[in-house]
Protein backbone atom coordinates (compact mmCIF):
# COMPACT_ATOMS: atom_id res chain seq x y z
CA MET A 1 -0.04 -0.02 -0.08
CA SER A 2 2.70 2.34 0.77
CA SER A 3 4.63 1.56 -2.18
CA THR A 4 1.59 2.09 -4.36
CA THR A 5 1.28 5.57 -2.69
CA SER A 6 4.81 6.42 -3.20
CA GLN A 7 4.52 5.81 -6.82
CA ASP A 8 1.47 7.55 -7.15
CA ARG A 9 3.04 10.77 -5.70
CA ILE A 10 6.21 10.13 -8.27
CA PHE A 11 3.63 9.96 -11.11
CA ASP A 12 1.58 12.96 -10.00
CA ALA A 13 4.66 14.98 -9.61
CA ARG A 14 6.24 14.16 -13.06
CA ARG A 15 2.79 15.09 -14.61
CA LYS A 16 2.26 18.36 -12.93
CA GLY A 17 5.94 19.31 -13.36
CA THR A 18 6.45 20.00 -9.70
CA PRO A 19 9.48 18.85 -7.94
CA LEU A 20 9.37 16.13 -5.74
CA THR A 21 11.24 16.03 -2.21
CA VAL A 22 11.97 12.90 -0.44
CA VAL A 23 13.12 13.14 3.19
CA LEU A 24 15.22 10.45 4.46
CA PRO A 25 14.42 9.66 8.17
CA TRP A 26 16.98 10.51 10.97
CA LYS A 27 17.05 6.84 11.84
CA ARG A 28 18.10 5.84 8.57
CA THR A 29 20.37 8.80 8.23
CA LEU A 30 22.55 7.65 11.29
CA GLU A 31 22.44 3.88 9.91
CA VAL A 32 23.86 5.09 6.95
CA CYS A 33 26.54 7.53 8.81
CA TRP A 34 27.40 4.47 11.09
CA SER A 35 27.74 2.03 7.89
CA ASN A 36 30.13 4.66 6.21
CA ILE A 37 32.34 4.67 9.16
CA ARG A 38 32.63 1.00 9.36
CA HIS A 39 33.54 0.78 5.96
CA ARG A 40 36.03 3.32 6.17
CA ILE A 41 37.66 2.47 9.43
CA GLY A 42 41.24 3.13 8.22
CA ARG A 43 40.42 6.65 7.21
CA CYS A 44 38.13 7.36 10.12
CA THR A 45 40.86 6.01 12.49
CA LEU A 46 43.53 8.25 10.92
CA THR A 47 41.13 11.20 11.27
CA PHE A 48 40.31 10.41 14.83
CA LEU A 49 44.06 10.29 15.92
CA CYS A 50 44.92 13.32 14.08
CA ILE A 51 41.92 15.25 16.00
CA SER A 52 43.08 13.45 19.28
CA VAL A 53 46.62 14.42 19.09
CA VAL A 54 45.88 17.91 18.52
CA VAL A 55 43.20 18.40 21.03
CA ALA A 56 45.48 16.85 23.62
CA PHE A 57 48.09 19.41 22.88
CA PHE A 58 45.98 22.03 23.33
CA MET A 59 44.36 20.47 26.53
CA SER A 60 47.80 19.94 28.05
CA ALA A 61 48.79 23.47 27.55
CA LEU A 62 45.62 25.10 28.76
CA THR A 63 45.52 22.68 31.78
CA PHE A 64 49.35 23.42 32.74
CA GLN A 65 48.46 27.19 32.43
CA GLN A 66 45.46 26.77 34.77
CA VAL A 67 47.55 24.84 37.17
CA VAL A 68 50.74 27.15 37.33
CA SER A 69 48.41 30.33 37.69
CA HIS A 70 46.65 28.71 40.49
CA LEU A 71 49.94 27.85 42.36
CA MET A 72 50.98 31.48 41.71
CA ASP A 73 48.30 32.68 43.49
CA GLN A 74 48.76 30.52 46.77
CA GLU A 75 50.68 32.14 49.52
CA ASP A 76 52.03 28.86 50.79
CA VAL A 77 55.88 29.26 51.30
CA HIS A 78 56.87 25.88 49.78
CA THR A 79 54.89 26.40 46.68
CA GLN A 80 56.30 29.50 45.88
CA ALA A 81 59.91 28.23 46.69
CA VAL A 82 59.18 25.42 44.19
CA LEU A 83 58.00 27.64 41.43
CA GLU A 84 60.96 29.91 41.97
CA LYS A 85 63.33 26.92 41.85
CA ALA A 86 61.67 25.76 38.43
CA GLY A 87 62.00 29.23 37.01
CA VAL A 88 58.15 29.26 36.75
CA VAL A 89 57.56 32.50 38.67
CA SER A 90 59.89 35.21 39.73
CA HIS A 91 59.55 38.55 41.66
CA ASP A 92 61.41 40.42 39.17
CA LEU A 93 58.56 42.63 37.03
CA GLU A 94 60.11 42.18 33.86
CA SER A 95 60.66 38.41 34.36
CA GLN A 96 56.72 38.22 35.27
CA LYS A 97 55.66 40.11 32.04
CA ARG A 98 57.97 37.88 30.27
CA GLN A 99 56.60 34.63 31.45
CA ARG A 100 52.99 35.94 30.97
CA ASP A 101 53.82 36.68 27.37
CA GLN A 102 54.95 33.34 26.74
CA MET A 103 51.85 31.74 28.39
CA ILE A 104 49.91 33.70 25.80
CA TRP A 105 52.15 32.78 23.08
CA LEU A 106 51.76 29.21 24.09
CA MET A 107 48.09 29.40 24.49
CA SER A 108 47.63 31.24 20.97
CA LEU A 109 50.19 28.65 19.27
CA SER A 110 48.31 25.46 20.76
CA GLY A 111 44.75 27.07 19.32
CA PHE A 112 46.29 27.96 15.86
CA LEU A 113 47.69 24.43 15.67
CA CYS A 114 44.27 22.90 16.84
CA LEU A 115 42.74 24.95 14.12
CA VAL A 116 44.77 24.13 11.19
CA GLY A 117 45.38 20.45 12.13
CA ILE A 118 41.74 19.63 12.22
CA THR A 119 40.77 21.60 9.27
CA ASN A 120 43.44 19.90 7.36
CA THR A 121 42.30 16.39 8.51
CA ILE A 122 38.79 17.04 7.75
CA LEU A 123 39.12 18.66 4.39
CA MET A 124 41.50 15.75 3.00
CA SER A 125 38.68 13.33 4.38
CA VAL A 126 35.95 15.05 2.53
CA THR A 127 37.92 15.94 -0.49
CA GLU A 128 38.88 12.04 -1.02
CA ARG A 129 34.89 11.60 -1.03
CA PHE A 130 33.83 13.47 -4.01
CA ARG A 131 33.52 10.61 -5.96
CA GLU A 132 31.28 9.04 -3.38
CA ILE A 133 29.28 12.30 -3.29
CA GLY A 134 28.80 12.39 -7.12
CA THR A 135 27.62 8.69 -6.63
CA LEU A 136 25.16 9.49 -4.16
CA LYS A 137 23.68 12.60 -6.22
CA CYS A 138 23.46 10.05 -9.42
CA LEU A 139 21.24 7.95 -7.27
CA GLY A 140 19.12 10.72 -6.35
CA ALA A 141 20.39 11.99 -3.14
CA LEU A 142 19.30 15.74 -2.45
CA ASP A 143 22.15 18.24 -1.45
CA GLY A 144 20.63 18.69 1.96
CA PHE A 145 20.81 14.81 2.64
CA ILE A 146 24.47 14.95 1.76
CA VAL A 147 25.47 17.65 3.81
CA ARG A 148 23.40 16.31 6.74
CA LEU A 149 25.37 12.77 6.13
CA PHE A 150 28.86 14.21 6.02
CA LEU A 151 28.03 16.74 9.28
CA ILE A 152 26.68 14.16 11.49
CA GLU A 153 30.05 11.82 10.59
CA SER A 154 32.11 14.63 11.38
CA VAL A 155 30.48 15.49 14.44
CA PHE A 156 30.52 11.84 15.67
CA ILE A 157 34.13 11.38 15.05
CA GLY A 158 34.84 15.28 16.36
CA VAL A 159 33.14 14.56 19.67
CA LEU A 160 34.52 11.09 20.40
CA ALA A 161 38.30 12.26 19.47
CA SER A 162 37.89 15.37 21.30
CA VAL A 163 36.96 13.53 24.59
CA VAL A 164 39.67 11.12 24.16
CA GLY A 165 42.14 13.85 23.31
CA GLY A 166 41.14 16.04 26.13
CA LEU A 167 41.58 13.16 28.66
CA LEU A 168 44.94 12.29 27.49
CA GLY A 169 45.90 16.02 27.58
CA TYR A 170 44.94 16.21 31.15
CA VAL A 171 46.94 13.30 31.86
CA LEU A 172 50.25 14.59 30.09
CA ALA A 173 49.61 18.14 31.69
CA VAL A 174 49.49 16.51 35.26
CA VAL A 175 52.66 14.45 34.55
CA GLN A 176 54.17 17.68 33.10
CA VAL A 177 53.62 19.70 36.34
CA GLY A 178 55.04 16.84 38.38
CA ALA A 179 58.01 16.68 36.42
CA VAL A 180 58.62 20.55 36.06
CA LEU A 181 57.47 21.34 39.61
CA GLU A 182 56.71 18.46 42.10
CA PHE A 183 53.74 16.36 42.60
CA GLY A 184 53.30 17.46 46.02
CA VAL A 185 52.13 20.76 45.09
CA LEU A 186 49.07 19.27 43.50
CA ASP A 187 46.01 18.56 45.30
CA ALA A 188 42.48 17.13 44.33
CA GLY A 189 41.00 20.38 44.32
CA LEU A 190 43.33 22.00 42.18
CA CYS A 191 43.48 19.09 39.66
CA LEU A 192 39.72 19.11 39.37
CA THR A 193 39.39 22.77 39.04
CA ALA A 194 41.88 22.69 35.95
CA PHE A 195 40.08 19.68 34.60
CA GLY A 196 36.78 21.32 34.96
CA ILE A 197 37.93 24.68 33.03
CA GLY A 198 40.28 23.06 30.63
CA PHE A 199 38.25 19.86 29.49
CA PRO A 200 34.92 21.30 28.39
CA THR A 201 36.81 23.91 26.54
CA ALA A 202 39.00 21.53 24.72
CA VAL A 203 35.84 19.18 23.81
CA ILE A 204 33.62 22.08 22.56
CA LEU A 205 36.75 23.64 20.56
CA GLY A 206 37.69 20.24 18.82
CA THR A 207 33.89 19.42 18.12
CA VAL A 208 33.08 23.00 16.74
CA LEU A 209 36.42 23.21 14.73
CA THR A 210 35.60 19.63 13.43
CA THR A 211 32.18 20.67 12.37
CA LEU A 212 33.32 23.81 10.77
CA ALA A 213 36.08 22.32 8.52
CA ALA A 214 33.60 19.80 7.20
CA ALA A 215 30.74 22.04 6.56
CA TYR A 216 32.19 24.12 3.49
CA PRO A 217 33.95 21.42 1.73
CA THR A 218 30.95 19.28 2.00
CA TYR A 219 28.53 22.15 0.89
CA VAL A 220 30.70 22.82 -2.17
CA ALA A 221 30.83 19.06 -2.88
CA ALA A 222 27.10 18.97 -2.52
CA LYS A 223 26.42 21.77 -5.05
CA MET A 224 28.64 20.08 -7.51
CA LYS A 225 26.92 18.35 -10.51
CA PRO A 226 27.04 14.54 -10.31
CA VAL A 227 29.49 14.56 -13.48
CA GLU A 228 31.78 17.15 -12.40
CA ALA A 229 31.99 15.26 -8.79
CA MET A 230 32.79 11.98 -10.66
CA ARG A 231 35.42 13.47 -12.57
CA VAL A 232 37.45 15.10 -9.80
CA GLU A 233 40.90 13.48 -9.48
CA VAL A 234 42.47 13.32 -5.93
């Protein structure tokens, strides 16, 4: 019955000359996305690792900066002595300004690296699938479906990779603080505070950058004519 109804809709649309819009349910879209990820596990794993490493670097730098800032605000004599011994803090105003500039430069560099690394990884991933997009369009897929399909895949990989990278970066930052200073200056409250500030920021940044990096090339590819997409050489 449903098949007959669908055929009648197609015949009526052709007879009247009106475009027929076919919307794929979200459940089916998610199934297609998961199937694409499973069949392209090698490329998805490479993309996952690249995003994780970049986010881990950003999370490590952010957490280290948060921990050092909290330690510098403490009035404990032992903590200040450890910071001075490690050369992290100094009573010289010129030295403090230089350290602050170094922190700003490190955070800016890590954020820029995160942006470039994730954008390059996703751009390569989408560009390599131009022929796949052309095949989908030849089979009747609409532009909106192609954009939605690729964005869901990118968001899924981006969220998962950002979470893993954030956790890895946090562990590396704690180890770095312990190696540069000493583990005795760390306490549970300080570690949880740094984690609560840095982890959501790293995950959101990684996910947003992954989505934005995939949005433009996917949109451009979806707007390509099927013949042009099939003709692209990567």
